Structures are given as structure tokens and as C-alpha cells.
Amino acid sequence: MRSSLMRSSLSAGICLAAAAAGGCGSESSPTAPVPSPTPLVEVPGTVRGPSEGSTALYLVQSDPLPGGTVAGCGTGASGCGGRFRMKFRVVSPRGGPTLGFLAFLHSERLSACFVGRTGAFDLPAGQPRDVAIVFDPADTDEACPVPLDITHVAAVVEGPVETFGRQEWAARFHLAP
């Protein structure tokens, strides 16, 4: 009697485990859908453009916000140095070292009028890392005369294939004298 009870308990346990996997002669019941992660909300007024590489980049903060006017720049972009600040979220599936992070603000004339950069850092695999950038003038005032519209943001994680990533966004900022 004891051995048949043990076999019966063992069979019931195996059957319960198999039923959870859809087996043991029972009908498979639908499983609850796995919720998808909350989508990352990027800065309003931006539109994601082309990207490349395995590392994903997201523009999560901008001061000023796209669509605004930055006044008091004088005759060229150099008068607005340090007035653009952005935060990017970087996620590398494999992780590893980087050589640094570069971001550019391009004018409608396709000049890189502002640049921001960091030094080397490590990216943990699958974990987001925020990178804050303050932009300084990158080109001459002749190449970026004010009034001027900035129309694109581009960011690059420099490094080996495991951590390389590049992303562009359409975003408009107006610079005024």
C-alpha cells in the first residue's frame, strides 16, 4: 500500500509539472501574456532618425527643449556655448569599454555647430547608463552665423563593435542674436 501511495504521489507530482508545461493529457490552457517593458519616452519635439551599431541611444532630456528659441547668441554660435545640455540613455546588450561619447548639434546648413564629449567609460551589459552632455561651439561663427536653426542631433558611442552605437534625431532649435 505504501509503495502504491508513493507511486501515486510521484505520478501526481510529475503530472502537475507536465500540466504546467501543457502535457499529461490535459488541454493546454492559454498562458498570461508577458507584459512588454514600458517604452522609453524621448524628448518631445524630436523624431528618431537613422541608427547603427549594437548599442541603443535615447535622448531623454534637453535644456532647452526643441522648438524653442535661444536668444542672446550675438553674431555666431560661439555666443551660445554651454547653453545646450542634454542627457542620453545608452544601453549595450553585450557591454564593455568605450572610447568615449560624442554628440553634435547640426544646423540646417549641415554644419556641426556644437559638440559635446566625454572620456572613456564602461557600459554594463544590458543596463542603461545616462550620459550628460554640455555642448560647446564646434565650428566657426562664419560657418554657424546667427540667426540660425539647429535641425539635427547626432550622438555616437565610440568603441569596439560590442559598444559602438550611433543615433540621429530631427530636432529644431532657433538661435537668435
C-alpha atoms as a PDB file:
ATOM      1  CA  MET A   1       0.000   0.000   0.000  1.00  0.00           C
ATOM      2  CA  ARG A   2       2.782   2.383   0.911  1.00  0.00           C
ATOM      3  CA  SER A   3       4.607   1.877  -2.398  1.00  0.00           C
ATOM      4  CA  SER A   4       1.433   2.411  -4.443  1.00  0.00           C
ATOM      5  CA  LEU A   5       0.768   5.631  -2.487  1.00  0.00           C
ATOM      6  CA  MET A   6       4.321   6.838  -3.190  1.00  0.00           C
ATOM      7  CA  ARG A   7       3.930   5.964  -6.901  1.00  0.00           C
ATOM      8  CA  SER A   8       0.604   7.755  -6.964  1.00  0.00           C
ATOM      9  CA  SER A   9       2.092  10.874  -5.293  1.00  0.00           C
ATOM     10  CA  LEU A  10       5.090  10.780  -7.614  1.00  0.00           C
ATOM     11  CA  SER A  11       2.831  10.389 -10.666  1.00  0.00           C
ATOM     12  CA  ALA A  12       0.636  13.258  -9.471  1.00  0.00           C
ATOM     13  CA  GLY A  13       3.699  15.481  -8.999  1.00  0.00           C
ATOM     14  CA  ILE A  14       5.055  14.615 -12.445  1.00  0.00           C
ATOM     15  CA  CYS A  15       1.615  15.151 -13.967  1.00  0.00           C
ATOM     16  CA  LEU A  16       1.265  18.548 -12.260  1.00  0.00           C
ATOM     17  CA  ALA A  17       4.632  19.631 -13.587  1.00  0.00           C
ATOM     18  CA  ALA A  18       3.773  18.344 -17.061  1.00  0.00           C
ATOM     19  CA  ALA A  19       0.350  20.009 -16.952  1.00  0.00           C
ATOM     20  CA  ALA A  20       2.025  23.320 -16.236  1.00  0.00           C
ATOM     21  CA  ALA A  21       4.006  22.775 -19.410  1.00  0.00           C
ATOM     22  CA  GLY A  22       0.871  21.753 -21.327  1.00  0.00           C
ATOM     23  CA  GLY A  23       1.280  17.956 -21.138  1.00  0.00           C
ATOM     24  CA  CYS A  24      -0.063  14.954 -19.153  1.00  0.00           C
ATOM     25  CA  GLY A  25      -3.182  14.533 -21.250  1.00  0.00           C
ATOM     26  CA  SER A  26      -4.786  17.773 -20.169  1.00  0.00           C
ATOM     27  CA  GLU A  27      -5.751  20.536 -22.517  1.00  0.00           C
ATOM     28  CA  SER A  28      -3.289  23.334 -22.697  1.00  0.00           C
ATOM     29  CA  SER A  29      -4.660  26.488 -21.154  1.00  0.00           C
ATOM     30  CA  PRO A  30      -3.635  29.877 -22.514  1.00  0.00           C
ATOM     31  CA  THR A  31      -0.842  31.496 -20.596  1.00  0.00           C
ATOM     32  CA  ALA A  32      -0.985  35.098 -19.472  1.00  0.00           C
ATOM     33  CA  PRO A  33       0.876  37.379 -21.853  1.00  0.00           C
ATOM     34  CA  VAL A  34       4.232  38.606 -20.652  1.00  0.00           C
ATOM     35  CA  PRO A  35       3.980  42.377 -20.283  1.00  0.00           C
ATOM     36  CA  SER A  36       6.313  44.270 -22.570  1.00  0.00           C
ATOM     37  CA  PRO A  37       8.644  46.772 -20.959  1.00  0.00           C
ATOM     38  CA  THR A  38       7.376  50.314 -20.751  1.00  0.00           C
ATOM     39  CA  PRO A  39       8.593  52.131 -23.846  1.00  0.00           C
ATOM     40  CA  LEU A  40      11.195  54.769 -23.184  1.00  0.00           C
ATOM     41  CA  VAL A  41       9.817  58.253 -23.753  1.00  0.00           C
ATOM     42  CA  GLU A  42      12.225  60.512 -25.554  1.00  0.00           C
ATOM     43  CA  VAL A  43      12.263  64.303 -25.514  1.00  0.00           C
ATOM     44  CA  PRO A  44       9.095  65.800 -27.037  1.00  0.00           C
ATOM     45  CA  GLY A  45       9.739  67.560 -30.323  1.00  0.00           C
ATOM     46  CA  THR A  46      12.307  65.012 -31.516  1.00  0.00           C
ATOM     47  CA  VAL A  47      11.973  62.392 -34.221  1.00  0.00           C
ATOM     48  CA  ARG A  48      14.301  59.371 -34.264  1.00  0.00           C
ATOM     49  CA  GLY A  49      16.320  59.058 -37.416  1.00  0.00           C
ATOM     50  CA  PRO A  50      18.929  56.605 -38.701  1.00  0.00           C
ATOM     51  CA  SER A  51      20.974  54.498 -36.297  1.00  0.00           C
ATOM     52  CA  GLU A  52      23.719  51.918 -36.464  1.00  0.00           C
ATOM     53  CA  GLY A  53      25.624  49.639 -34.126  1.00  0.00           C
ATOM     54  CA  SER A  54      24.541  47.313 -31.348  1.00  0.00           C
ATOM     55  CA  THR A  55      24.271  49.952 -28.624  1.00  0.00           C
ATOM     56  CA  ALA A  56      20.956  51.820 -28.431  1.00  0.00           C
ATOM     57  CA  LEU A  57      20.915  55.558 -27.690  1.00  0.00           C
ATOM     58  CA  TYR A  58      17.923  57.555 -26.450  1.00  0.00           C
ATOM     59  CA  LEU A  59      17.606  61.319 -25.987  1.00  0.00           C
ATOM     60  CA  VAL A  60      15.853  61.597 -22.608  1.00  0.00           C
ATOM     61  CA  GLN A  61      16.452  65.226 -21.542  1.00  0.00           C
ATOM     62  CA  SER A  62      17.091  68.523 -23.265  1.00  0.00           C
ATOM     63  CA  ASP A  63      17.576  72.054 -21.966  1.00  0.00           C
ATOM     64  CA  PRO A  64      16.308  73.986 -23.825  1.00  0.00           C
ATOM     65  CA  LEU A  65      13.529  71.845 -25.264  1.00  0.00           C
ATOM     66  CA  PRO A  66      13.279  71.505 -29.058  1.00  0.00           C
ATOM     67  CA  GLY A  67      11.075  74.122 -30.679  1.00  0.00           C
ATOM     68  CA  GLY A  68      12.359  76.936 -28.505  1.00  0.00           C
ATOM     69  CA  THR A  69      14.473  79.997 -29.219  1.00  0.00           C
ATOM     70  CA  VAL A  70      17.836  80.598 -27.596  1.00  0.00           C
ATOM     71  CA  ALA A  71      18.357  84.371 -27.580  1.00  0.00           C
ATOM     72  CA  GLY A  72      21.431  86.465 -26.872  1.00  0.00           C
ATOM     73  CA  CYS A  73      23.864  84.497 -29.028  1.00  0.00           C
ATOM     74  CA  GLY A  74      25.366  87.525 -30.752  1.00  0.00           C
ATOM     75  CA  THR A  75      26.521  87.088 -34.337  1.00  0.00           C
ATOM     76  CA  GLY A  76      27.566  83.438 -34.177  1.00  0.00           C
ATOM     77  CA  ALA A  77      27.104  80.113 -32.414  1.00  0.00           C
ATOM     78  CA  SER A  78      30.075  80.823 -30.136  1.00  0.00           C
ATOM     79  CA  GLY A  79      27.807  83.214 -28.223  1.00  0.00           C
ATOM     80  CA  CYS A  80      25.649  80.246 -27.164  1.00  0.00           C
ATOM     81  CA  GLY A  81      28.410  77.981 -25.878  1.00  0.00           C
ATOM     82  CA  GLY A  82      27.364  75.940 -22.838  1.00  0.00           C
ATOM     83  CA  ARG A  83      23.680  76.796 -23.240  1.00  0.00           C
ATOM     84  CA  PHE A  84      22.614  73.403 -24.643  1.00  0.00           C
ATOM     85  CA  ARG A  85      22.511  70.497 -22.182  1.00  0.00           C
ATOM     86  CA  MET A  86      21.230  67.024 -22.996  1.00  0.00           C
ATOM     87  CA  LYS A  87      21.054  63.640 -21.326  1.00  0.00           C
ATOM     88  CA  PHE A  88      21.275  60.452 -23.358  1.00  0.00           C
ATOM     89  CA  ARG A  89      20.416  56.939 -22.159  1.00  0.00           C
ATOM     90  CA  VAL A  90      22.785  54.300 -23.547  1.00  0.00           C
ATOM     91  CA  VAL A  91      22.084  50.545 -23.478  1.00  0.00           C
ATOM     92  CA  SER A  92      24.562  47.979 -24.769  1.00  0.00           C
ATOM     93  CA  PRO A  93      23.357  44.352 -24.913  1.00  0.00           C
ATOM     94  CA  ARG A  94      26.896  42.957 -24.562  1.00  0.00           C
ATOM     95  CA  GLY A  95      28.540  45.767 -22.582  1.00  0.00           C
ATOM     96  CA  GLY A  96      32.211  46.575 -22.414  1.00  0.00           C
ATOM     97  CA  PRO A  97      34.595  49.514 -22.622  1.00  0.00           C
ATOM     98  CA  THR A  98      34.037  52.624 -24.723  1.00  0.00           C
ATOM     99  CA  LEU A  99      36.463  55.201 -26.040  1.00  0.00           C
ATOM    100  CA  GLY A 100      34.005  57.972 -25.235  1.00  0.00           C
ATOM    101  CA  PHE A 101      30.741  59.618 -26.220  1.00  0.00           C
ATOM    102  CA  LEU A 102      30.287  62.391 -28.803  1.00  0.00           C
ATOM    103  CA  ALA A 103      27.170  64.400 -29.592  1.00  0.00           C
ATOM    104  CA  PHE A 104      26.639  67.083 -32.234  1.00  0.00           C
ATOM    105  CA  LEU A 105      24.034  69.730 -32.983  1.00  0.00           C
ATOM    106  CA  HIS A 106      23.852  70.290 -36.755  1.00  0.00           C
ATOM    107  CA  SER A 107      22.487  73.363 -38.496  1.00  0.00           C
ATOM    108  CA  GLU A 108      20.187  73.423 -41.464  1.00  0.00           C
ATOM    109  CA  ARG A 109      23.395  74.133 -43.439  1.00  0.00           C
ATOM    110  CA  LEU A 110      24.713  70.702 -42.308  1.00  0.00           C
ATOM    111  CA  SER A 111      27.463  72.259 -40.190  1.00  0.00           C
ATOM    112  CA  ALA A 112      28.200  70.699 -36.815  1.00  0.00           C
ATOM    113  CA  CYS A 113      27.781  73.954 -34.884  1.00  0.00           C
ATOM    114  CA  PHE A 114      28.031  72.424 -31.379  1.00  0.00           C
ATOM    115  CA  VAL A 115      29.788  69.395 -29.925  1.00  0.00           C
ATOM    116  CA  GLY A 116      29.822  67.697 -26.534  1.00  0.00           C
ATOM    117  CA  ARG A 117      32.024  64.801 -25.459  1.00  0.00           C
ATOM    118  CA  THR A 118      33.056  62.581 -22.596  1.00  0.00           C
ATOM    119  CA  GLY A 119      36.079  60.451 -21.937  1.00  0.00           C
ATOM    120  CA  ALA A 120      36.171  56.663 -21.879  1.00  0.00           C
ATOM    121  CA  PHE A 121      33.754  54.723 -19.675  1.00  0.00           C
ATOM    122  CA  ASP A 122      32.444  51.168 -19.277  1.00  0.00           C
ATOM    123  CA  LEU A 123      28.949  50.033 -20.237  1.00  0.00           C
ATOM    124  CA  PRO A 124      27.406  47.244 -18.163  1.00  0.00           C
ATOM    125  CA  ALA A 125      25.720  44.549 -20.286  1.00  0.00           C
ATOM    126  CA  GLY A 126      22.008  45.224 -20.700  1.00  0.00           C
ATOM    127  CA  GLN A 127      21.934  48.006 -18.113  1.00  0.00           C
ATOM    128  CA  PRO A 128      21.071  51.603 -19.022  1.00  0.00           C
ATOM    129  CA  ARG A 129      23.647  54.291 -18.401  1.00  0.00           C
ATOM    130  CA  ASP A 130      22.865  58.004 -18.578  1.00  0.00           C
ATOM    131  CA  VAL A 131      25.381  60.337 -20.203  1.00  0.00           C
ATOM    132  CA  ALA A 132      25.031  64.098 -19.634  1.00  0.00           C
ATOM    133  CA  ILE A 133      26.481  66.413 -22.270  1.00  0.00           C
ATOM    134  CA  VAL A 134      27.081  70.175 -22.307  1.00  0.00           C
ATOM    135  CA  PHE A 135      27.605  71.499 -25.840  1.00  0.00           C
ATOM    136  CA  ASP A 136      30.325  73.934 -26.890  1.00  0.00           C
ATOM    137  CA  PRO A 137      30.779  75.592 -30.291  1.00  0.00           C
ATOM    138  CA  ALA A 138      32.329  73.193 -32.793  1.00  0.00           C
ATOM    139  CA  ASP A 139      32.602  75.310 -35.932  1.00  0.00           C
ATOM    140  CA  THR A 140      33.443  78.924 -36.706  1.00  0.00           C
ATOM    141  CA  ASP A 141      30.942  81.739 -36.397  1.00  0.00           C
ATOM    142  CA  GLU A 142      31.216  82.128 -40.169  1.00  0.00           C
ATOM    143  CA  ALA A 143      30.013  78.537 -40.642  1.00  0.00           C
ATOM    144  CA  CYS A 144      27.289  78.960 -37.999  1.00  0.00           C
ATOM    145  CA  PRO A 145      26.107  82.591 -38.175  1.00  0.00           C
ATOM    146  CA  VAL A 146      23.142  83.713 -36.085  1.00  0.00           C
ATOM    147  CA  PRO A 147      20.178  83.790 -36.685  1.00  0.00           C
ATOM    148  CA  LEU A 148      20.420  80.056 -37.175  1.00  0.00           C
ATOM    149  CA  ASP A 149      18.260  76.953 -36.928  1.00  0.00           C
ATOM    150  CA  ILE A 150      19.691  73.775 -35.437  1.00  0.00           C
ATOM    151  CA  THR A 151      17.820  70.900 -37.108  1.00  0.00           C
ATOM    152  CA  HIS A 152      19.530  67.652 -36.043  1.00  0.00           C
ATOM    153  CA  VAL A 153      21.123  65.962 -33.056  1.00  0.00           C
ATOM    154  CA  ALA A 154      23.606  63.128 -33.619  1.00  0.00           C
ATOM    155  CA  ALA A 155      25.249  61.012 -30.912  1.00  0.00           C
ATOM    156  CA  VAL A 156      27.947  58.339 -31.083  1.00  0.00           C
ATOM    157  CA  VAL A 157      29.290  55.858 -28.546  1.00  0.00           C
ATOM    158  CA  GLU A 158      32.845  55.270 -29.742  1.00  0.00           C
ATOM    159  CA  GLY A 159      34.364  51.893 -29.118  1.00  0.00           C
ATOM    160  CA  PRO A 160      34.635  48.306 -30.288  1.00  0.00           C
ATOM    161  CA  VAL A 161      31.723  46.606 -32.044  1.00  0.00           C
ATOM    162  CA  GLU A 162      30.314  45.450 -28.662  1.00  0.00           C
ATOM    163  CA  THR A 163      29.712  49.034 -27.522  1.00  0.00           C
ATOM    164  CA  PHE A 164      29.572  51.103 -30.724  1.00  0.00           C
ATOM    165  CA  GLY A 165      26.312  52.887 -31.423  1.00  0.00           C
ATOM    166  CA  ARG A 166      25.147  55.917 -33.403  1.00  0.00           C
ATOM    167  CA  GLN A 167      21.759  57.635 -33.467  1.00  0.00           C
ATOM    168  CA  GLU A 168      20.317  60.750 -35.126  1.00  0.00           C
ATOM    169  CA  TRP A 169      17.231  62.792 -34.249  1.00  0.00           C
ATOM    170  CA  ALA A 170      15.436  65.602 -36.015  1.00  0.00           C
ATOM    171  CA  ALA A 171      15.056  68.443 -33.509  1.00  0.00           C
ATOM    172  CA  ARG A 172      14.705  72.166 -34.170  1.00  0.00           C
ATOM    173  CA  PHE A 173      16.194  74.948 -32.045  1.00  0.00           C
ATOM    174  CA  HIS A 174      16.335  78.582 -33.152  1.00  0.00           C
ATOM    175  CA  LEU A 175      19.339  80.724 -32.236  1.00  0.00           C
ATOM    176  CA  ALA A 176      18.781  84.488 -32.168  1.00  0.00           C
ATOM    177  CA  PRO A 177      21.237  87.397 -31.816  1.00  0.00           C
END
